[in-house]
């Protein structure tokens, strides 16, 4: 009777805690697919290709970027949610992944249940900028001006429910101001309207605003992040003038299908963090005014859940209608 008992113990040990590292050690054995839910040539696609190239070197396996645009990023996200949970299919998405439950009436997936957060790749600073013709040159002055002209100032936005739109709505709620949204086709049109003085303010990515700020064609008012940007250290944060302002930034991150083995998630995160901090990758990130993060899966999961809850609250408080 003792021999079968000992054999059973050995079998349990083989498939128990020790099995995890063995699984990770054999990974990856084939190419990894990174699904980008946007068209090629954009900022998400560019970052995916830089990281993918570095990971290919580190893992000795191809990392293939697959563009699957459509439905505001939901088409590609849905494909990953339904993929095999084996670590070979990764979704690279933006903060839009956290915004989706707040802004869409229905989704073909559950962002909290159908994905395993892997790592936040980067944080991208957003900046509140103004037309040079606007008399306000600081956050206190802008608040005072907006309150003296309720509903008469306007701001540009390129899509209901995107990070730039919601950051400006957060500002309005925090300051009790009434600034009207004006829709534009994209960020380029917003910047042109600011330069021309057709509108007063906008929240935009620092990367696209920086050349116009440095040339004096638009004015930097404040960054939305918790800390000042190393790129424009003299520009204050909104929170410096509005205590308690919930800092907002855009970000990109990796998600795997739910039930992907934990040790594989951890291996991908470790290698990705290493890639993000490689000197040549860091140089590219600085050029894009991105800050590398590379958080562990458990850290990113807590952050992501908080982001989902935050945007549900913002959309509700701002009375933004949900989309079909």
Protein backbone atom coordinates (compact mmCIF):
# COMPACT_ATOMS: atom_id res chain seq x y z
CA UNK A 1 0.00 0.00 0.00
CA UNK A 2 2.90 2.35 0.62
CA UNK A 3 4.26 2.20 -2.94
CA UNK A 4 1.07 3.56 -4.63
CA UNK A 5 0.90 6.21 -1.90
CA UNK A 6 4.46 7.33 -2.62
CA UNK A 7 3.79 7.35 -6.36
CA UNK A 8 0.71 9.52 -5.79
CA UNK A 9 2.77 11.99 -3.77
CA UNK A 10 5.35 12.20 -6.53
CA UNK A 11 2.65 12.83 -9.15
CA UNK A 12 1.02 15.56 -7.03
CA UNK A 13 4.41 17.18 -6.54
CA UNK A 14 5.07 17.09 -10.26
CA UNK A 15 1.88 18.94 -11.13
CA UNK A 16 1.83 21.18 -8.07
CA UNK A 17 3.79 24.33 -7.26
CA UNK A 18 6.87 23.15 -9.12
CA UNK A 19 5.00 22.84 -12.42
CA UNK A 20 4.66 26.60 -12.91
CA UNK A 21 8.34 27.44 -13.42
CA UNK A 22 8.70 24.46 -15.77
CA UNK A 23 5.87 25.82 -17.88
CA UNK A 24 7.42 29.28 -18.04
CA UNK A 25 10.84 27.87 -18.87
CA UNK A 26 9.45 26.39 -22.08
CA UNK A 27 7.87 29.68 -23.11
CA UNK A 28 7.92 30.96 -25.78
CA UNK A 29 8.25 28.07 -28.20
CA UNK A 30 6.66 29.91 -31.14
CA UNK A 31 6.00 33.51 -32.30
CA UNK A 32 4.06 35.85 -30.02
CA UNK A 33 1.29 37.93 -31.59
CA UNK A 34 0.68 41.48 -30.32
CA UNK A 35 -2.73 42.72 -31.45
CA UNK A 36 -2.95 46.49 -31.89
CA UNK A 37 -6.62 47.53 -32.21
CA UNK A 38 -5.76 50.58 -34.33
CA UNK A 39 -4.40 51.22 -37.80
CA UNK A 40 -0.70 50.95 -38.59
CA UNK A 41 1.36 54.11 -38.29
CA UNK A 42 -0.14 55.51 -35.09
CA UNK A 43 1.46 55.91 -31.68
CA UNK A 44 0.22 52.55 -30.37
CA UNK A 45 1.47 50.71 -33.45
CA UNK A 46 4.86 52.48 -33.27
CA UNK A 47 5.40 51.54 -29.62
CA UNK A 48 4.31 47.94 -30.24
CA UNK A 49 6.89 47.56 -33.00
CA UNK A 50 9.72 49.03 -30.93
CA UNK A 51 8.96 46.80 -27.95
CA UNK A 52 8.27 43.79 -30.16
CA UNK A 53 11.63 44.13 -31.90
CA UNK A 54 13.46 44.27 -28.58
CA UNK A 55 11.52 41.30 -27.17
CA UNK A 56 12.33 39.26 -30.27
CA UNK A 57 16.02 39.73 -29.47
CA UNK A 58 15.55 38.80 -25.82
CA UNK A 59 13.27 35.79 -26.30
CA UNK A 60 14.74 34.43 -29.56
CA UNK A 61 11.25 34.26 -31.03
CA UNK A 62 9.46 36.57 -33.47
CA UNK A 63 7.03 39.08 -31.94
CA UNK A 64 4.51 39.88 -34.68
CA UNK A 65 2.38 43.04 -34.55
CA UNK A 66 -1.11 42.53 -35.97
CA UNK A 67 -3.28 45.61 -36.63
CA UNK A 68 -7.01 44.99 -36.13
CA UNK A 69 -8.68 48.41 -36.14
CA UNK A 70 -12.39 49.01 -35.73
CA UNK A 71 -15.14 49.87 -33.26
CA UNK A 72 -12.97 52.28 -31.30
CA UNK A 73 -10.44 49.57 -30.43
CA UNK A 74 -13.08 47.04 -29.38
CA UNK A 75 -12.71 44.80 -32.43
CA UNK A 76 -9.10 43.91 -31.69
CA UNK A 77 -9.75 43.68 -27.96
CA UNK A 78 -12.57 41.20 -28.57
CA UNK A 79 -10.28 39.01 -30.69
CA UNK A 80 -7.79 38.78 -27.82
CA UNK A 81 -10.50 38.16 -25.22
CA UNK A 82 -11.54 35.08 -27.22
CA UNK A 83 -7.99 33.85 -27.99
CA UNK A 84 -6.36 30.85 -26.34
CA UNK A 85 -4.99 31.77 -22.87
CA UNK A 86 -1.49 30.52 -23.59
CA UNK A 87 0.55 33.75 -23.65
CA UNK A 88 0.95 33.79 -27.43
CA UNK A 89 -1.69 36.46 -28.02
CA UNK A 90 -1.33 39.87 -26.35
CA UNK A 91 -3.48 42.98 -26.63
CA UNK A 92 -1.72 46.34 -26.64
CA UNK A 93 -4.31 48.98 -25.85
CA UNK A 94 -4.57 52.48 -24.45
CA UNK A 95 -6.49 53.95 -21.55
CA UNK A 96 -9.47 53.42 -23.86
CA UNK A 97 -9.61 49.86 -22.49
CA UNK A 98 -10.57 51.34 -19.11
CA UNK A 99 -12.93 53.91 -20.62
CA UNK A 100 -14.89 51.44 -22.77
CA UNK A 101 -17.28 50.16 -20.02
CA UNK A 102 -18.25 53.75 -19.20
CA UNK A 103 -18.79 55.03 -22.72
CA UNK A 104 -20.36 52.04 -24.54
CA UNK A 105 -23.81 50.69 -23.72
CA UNK A 106 -22.76 47.15 -24.58
CA UNK A 107 -19.43 45.42 -25.20
CA UNK A 108 -18.71 41.94 -26.57
CA UNK A 109 -16.39 41.35 -23.61
CA UNK A 110 -15.95 42.21 -19.95
CA UNK A 111 -12.77 44.25 -19.44
CA UNK A 112 -12.36 42.97 -15.86
CA UNK A 113 -13.27 39.31 -16.36
CA UNK A 114 -12.10 38.46 -19.87
CA UNK A 115 -8.55 39.84 -19.67
CA UNK A 116 -5.50 39.27 -17.50
CA UNK A 117 -3.58 42.54 -16.99
CA UNK A 118 0.08 41.98 -17.87
CA UNK A 119 1.86 45.32 -17.51
CA UNK A 120 1.47 49.04 -18.04
CA UNK A 121 4.00 49.89 -20.72
CA UNK A 122 4.15 53.69 -20.62
CA UNK A 123 2.46 56.77 -19.22
CA UNK A 124 1.90 59.66 -21.61
CA UNK A 125 1.65 63.20 -20.31
CA UNK A 126 -1.36 65.25 -21.36
CA UNK A 127 -1.20 69.03 -21.30
CA UNK A 128 -3.80 71.79 -21.12
CA UNK A 129 -2.89 74.33 -23.76
CA UNK A 130 -4.43 77.61 -24.89
CA UNK A 131 -4.54 79.92 -27.86
CA UNK A 132 -2.02 82.77 -27.51
CA UNK A 133 -4.98 85.13 -27.87
CA UNK A 134 -6.53 83.91 -24.61
CA UNK A 135 -5.79 86.44 -21.83
CA UNK A 136 -5.47 83.69 -19.19
CA UNK A 137 -1.92 82.39 -18.79
CA UNK A 138 -2.37 80.15 -15.73
CA UNK A 139 -4.91 77.76 -14.22
CA UNK A 140 -6.22 80.31 -11.64
CA UNK A 141 -6.59 82.91 -14.39
CA UNK A 142 -8.35 80.42 -16.66
CA UNK A 143 -10.79 79.45 -13.90
CA UNK A 144 -11.54 83.10 -13.16
CA UNK A 145 -12.06 83.88 -16.85
CA UNK A 146 -14.29 80.84 -17.41
CA UNK A 147 -16.45 81.70 -14.40
CA UNK A 148 -16.84 85.28 -15.62
CA UNK A 149 -17.97 84.00 -19.03
CA UNK A 150 -19.98 80.81 -18.36
CA UNK A 151 -20.52 78.81 -21.52
CA UNK A 152 -18.66 81.32 -23.69
CA UNK A 153 -15.22 79.67 -23.72
CA UNK A 154 -14.77 76.50 -25.74
CA UNK A 155 -12.39 73.58 -25.96
CA UNK A 156 -11.57 71.16 -28.74
CA UNK A 157 -12.03 67.42 -28.56
CA UNK A 158 -11.60 64.70 -31.17
CA UNK A 159 -14.03 62.08 -29.91
CA UNK A 160 -16.63 61.67 -27.19
CA UNK A 161 -15.25 59.63 -24.32
CA UNK A 162 -11.60 59.62 -25.37
CA UNK A 163 -8.91 60.45 -22.76
CA UNK A 164 -8.53 64.06 -23.95
CA UNK A 165 -12.25 64.70 -23.75
CA UNK A 166 -12.59 63.13 -20.29
CA UNK A 167 -9.54 64.96 -18.91
CA UNK A 168 -11.16 68.27 -19.82
CA UNK A 169 -14.46 67.18 -18.29
CA UNK A 170 -12.58 66.26 -15.10
CA UNK A 171 -11.16 69.78 -15.06
CA UNK A 172 -14.61 71.34 -15.48
CA UNK A 173 -16.08 69.25 -12.67
CA UNK A 174 -13.15 69.98 -10.33
CA UNK A 175 -13.25 73.73 -10.96
CA UNK A 176 -16.98 74.29 -11.37
CA UNK A 177 -16.51 75.90 -14.77
CA UNK A 178 -18.68 75.75 -17.90
CA UNK A 179 -16.51 75.41 -21.01
CA UNK A 180 -18.19 74.15 -24.17
CA UNK A 181 -16.86 71.18 -26.16
CA UNK A 182 -16.31 71.63 -29.90
CA UNK A 183 -15.76 68.39 -31.89
CA UNK A 184 -12.92 68.09 -34.42
CA UNK A 185 -11.85 65.21 -36.65
CA UNK A 186 -8.51 64.76 -34.94
CA UNK A 187 -5.67 66.26 -32.93
CA UNK A 188 -4.14 68.00 -35.97
CA UNK A 189 -7.33 69.96 -36.54
CA UNK A 190 -7.50 70.89 -32.85
CA UNK A 191 -3.96 72.25 -32.94
CA UNK A 192 -4.67 74.27 -36.09
CA UNK A 193 -7.78 75.77 -34.48
CA UNK A 194 -5.79 76.75 -31.38
CA UNK A 195 -3.09 78.43 -33.45
CA UNK A 196 -5.73 80.31 -35.45
CA UNK A 197 -7.55 81.42 -32.30
CA UNK A 198 -10.77 79.67 -33.35
CA UNK A 199 -11.04 78.11 -29.88
CA UNK A 200 -9.55 78.83 -26.50
CA UNK A 201 -8.21 75.66 -24.85
CA UNK A 202 -7.73 71.92 -25.26
CA UNK A 203 -6.14 68.95 -23.53
CA UNK A 204 -3.73 67.24 -25.94
CA UNK A 205 -0.77 64.84 -25.81
CA UNK A 206 2.43 66.65 -24.87
CA UNK A 207 4.27 65.05 -27.78
CA UNK A 208 2.18 66.82 -30.44
CA UNK A 209 1.91 70.09 -28.49
CA UNK A 210 5.58 70.51 -27.66
CA UNK A 211 6.81 71.90 -31.03
CA UNK A 212 4.00 74.49 -31.10
CA UNK A 213 4.63 75.45 -27.46
CA UNK A 214 8.36 75.90 -28.07
CA UNK A 215 7.70 78.02 -31.17
CA UNK A 216 5.23 80.20 -29.26
CA UNK A 217 2.27 79.33 -31.49
CA UNK A 218 0.25 77.98 -28.55
CA UNK A 219 0.59 78.48 -24.80
CA UNK A 220 1.20 75.77 -22.20
CA UNK A 221 -1.05 76.19 -19.16
CA UNK A 222 -0.57 73.01 -17.07
CA UNK A 223 0.04 69.27 -17.34
CA UNK A 224 -2.64 66.87 -16.14
CA UNK A 225 -0.24 64.39 -14.53
CA UNK A 226 0.61 64.12 -10.86
CA UNK A 227 4.16 65.39 -11.43
CA UNK A 228 5.66 68.04 -13.69
CA UNK A 229 7.08 66.80 -16.95
CA UNK A 230 10.84 66.58 -17.35
CA UNK A 231 10.32 67.81 -20.93
CA UNK A 232 8.71 71.11 -19.78
CA UNK A 233 9.71 71.41 -16.11
CA UNK A 234 8.54 75.03 -15.83
CA UNK A 235 4.95 74.11 -16.66
CA UNK A 236 2.96 73.40 -13.45
CA UNK A 237 0.49 70.60 -12.85
CA UNK A 238 -3.22 71.34 -12.62
CA UNK A 239 -3.17 69.91 -9.09
CA UNK A 240 -0.80 72.68 -7.96
CA UNK A 241 -3.62 75.18 -8.50
CA UNK A 242 -6.58 72.85 -7.89
CA UNK A 243 -5.80 70.79 -4.76
CA UNK A 244 -7.30 67.34 -4.97
CA UNK A 245 -7.56 67.39 -8.76
CA UNK A 246 -7.50 63.76 -9.78
CA UNK A 247 -4.45 63.56 -11.97
CA UNK A 248 -5.01 62.14 -15.41
CA UNK A 249 -2.65 60.78 -17.99
CA UNK A 250 -2.92 58.57 -20.98
CA UNK A 251 -1.22 55.18 -21.02
CA UNK A 252 -0.59 52.04 -23.03
CA UNK A 253 -0.57 48.54 -21.62
CA UNK A 254 -0.58 44.83 -22.38
CA UNK A 255 -3.44 42.47 -21.64
CA UNK A 256 -3.66 38.71 -22.13
CA UNK A 257 -6.76 36.52 -22.33
CA UNK A 258 -8.16 35.59 -18.93
CA UNK A 259 -6.81 32.35 -17.42
CA UNK A 260 -3.38 32.78 -19.00
CA UNK A 261 -0.98 31.01 -16.58
CA UNK A 262 0.43 33.38 -13.99
CA UNK A 263 4.04 32.36 -14.53
CA UNK A 264 3.77 33.16 -18.23
CA UNK A 265 2.28 36.58 -17.43
CA UNK A 266 5.18 37.22 -15.05
CA UNK A 267 7.77 36.13 -17.61
CA UNK A 268 6.28 38.42 -20.27
CA UNK A 269 6.20 41.31 -17.79
CA UNK A 270 9.82 40.84 -16.74
CA UNK A 271 11.07 40.71 -20.31
CA UNK A 272 8.91 43.68 -21.31
CA UNK A 273 10.18 45.79 -18.40
CA UNK A 274 13.73 44.91 -19.46
CA UNK A 275 12.96 45.96 -23.04
CA UNK A 276 11.40 49.25 -21.95
CA UNK A 277 14.56 50.22 -20.08
CA UNK A 278 17.02 49.27 -22.81
CA UNK A 279 19.02 52.39 -23.77
CA UNK A 280 17.86 52.49 -27.41
CA UNK A 281 14.21 52.01 -26.42
CA UNK A 282 14.48 54.68 -23.72
CA UNK A 283 15.78 57.11 -26.32
CA UNK A 284 12.72 56.46 -28.51
CA UNK A 285 10.36 56.84 -25.56
CA UNK A 286 11.87 60.19 -24.59
CA UNK A 287 11.38 61.40 -28.14
CA UNK A 288 7.71 60.53 -27.81
CA UNK A 289 7.56 62.10 -24.30
CA UNK A 290 6.56 58.70 -22.89
CA UNK A 291 7.58 57.52 -19.43
CA UNK A 292 8.41 53.78 -19.19
CA UNK A 293 6.53 51.88 -16.47
CA UNK A 294 6.74 48.07 -16.79
CA UNK A 295 4.60 47.38 -13.70
CA UNK A 296 4.07 43.85 -12.37
CA UNK A 297 0.77 42.11 -13.22
CA UNK A 298 -0.66 42.53 -9.71
CA UNK A 299 0.28 46.22 -9.62
CA UNK A 300 -1.24 46.91 -13.00
CA UNK A 301 -4.41 45.00 -12.10
CA UNK A 302 -5.04 47.29 -9.10
CA UNK A 303 -4.31 50.37 -11.22
CA UNK A 304 -6.56 49.20 -14.06
CA UNK A 305 -9.51 48.45 -11.79
CA UNK A 306 -9.20 51.94 -10.29
CA UNK A 307 -9.10 53.48 -13.77
CA UNK A 308 -12.28 51.64 -14.82
CA UNK A 309 -14.11 52.87 -11.71
CA UNK A 310 -12.80 56.43 -12.20
CA UNK A 311 -14.03 56.76 -15.76
CA UNK A 312 -17.44 55.32 -14.97
CA UNK A 313 -17.78 58.06 -12.36
CA UNK A 314 -16.51 60.82 -14.67
CA UNK A 315 -18.84 59.88 -17.53
CA UNK A 316 -21.79 59.78 -15.12
CA UNK A 317 -20.93 63.09 -13.45
CA UNK A 318 -20.36 64.82 -16.80
CA UNK A 319 -23.65 63.46 -18.21
CA UNK A 320 -21.88 62.10 -21.28
CA UNK A 321 -24.31 59.91 -23.27
CA UNK A 322 -23.24 56.33 -23.84
CA UNK A 323 -22.56 55.14 -27.39
CA UNK A 324 -24.10 52.17 -29.14
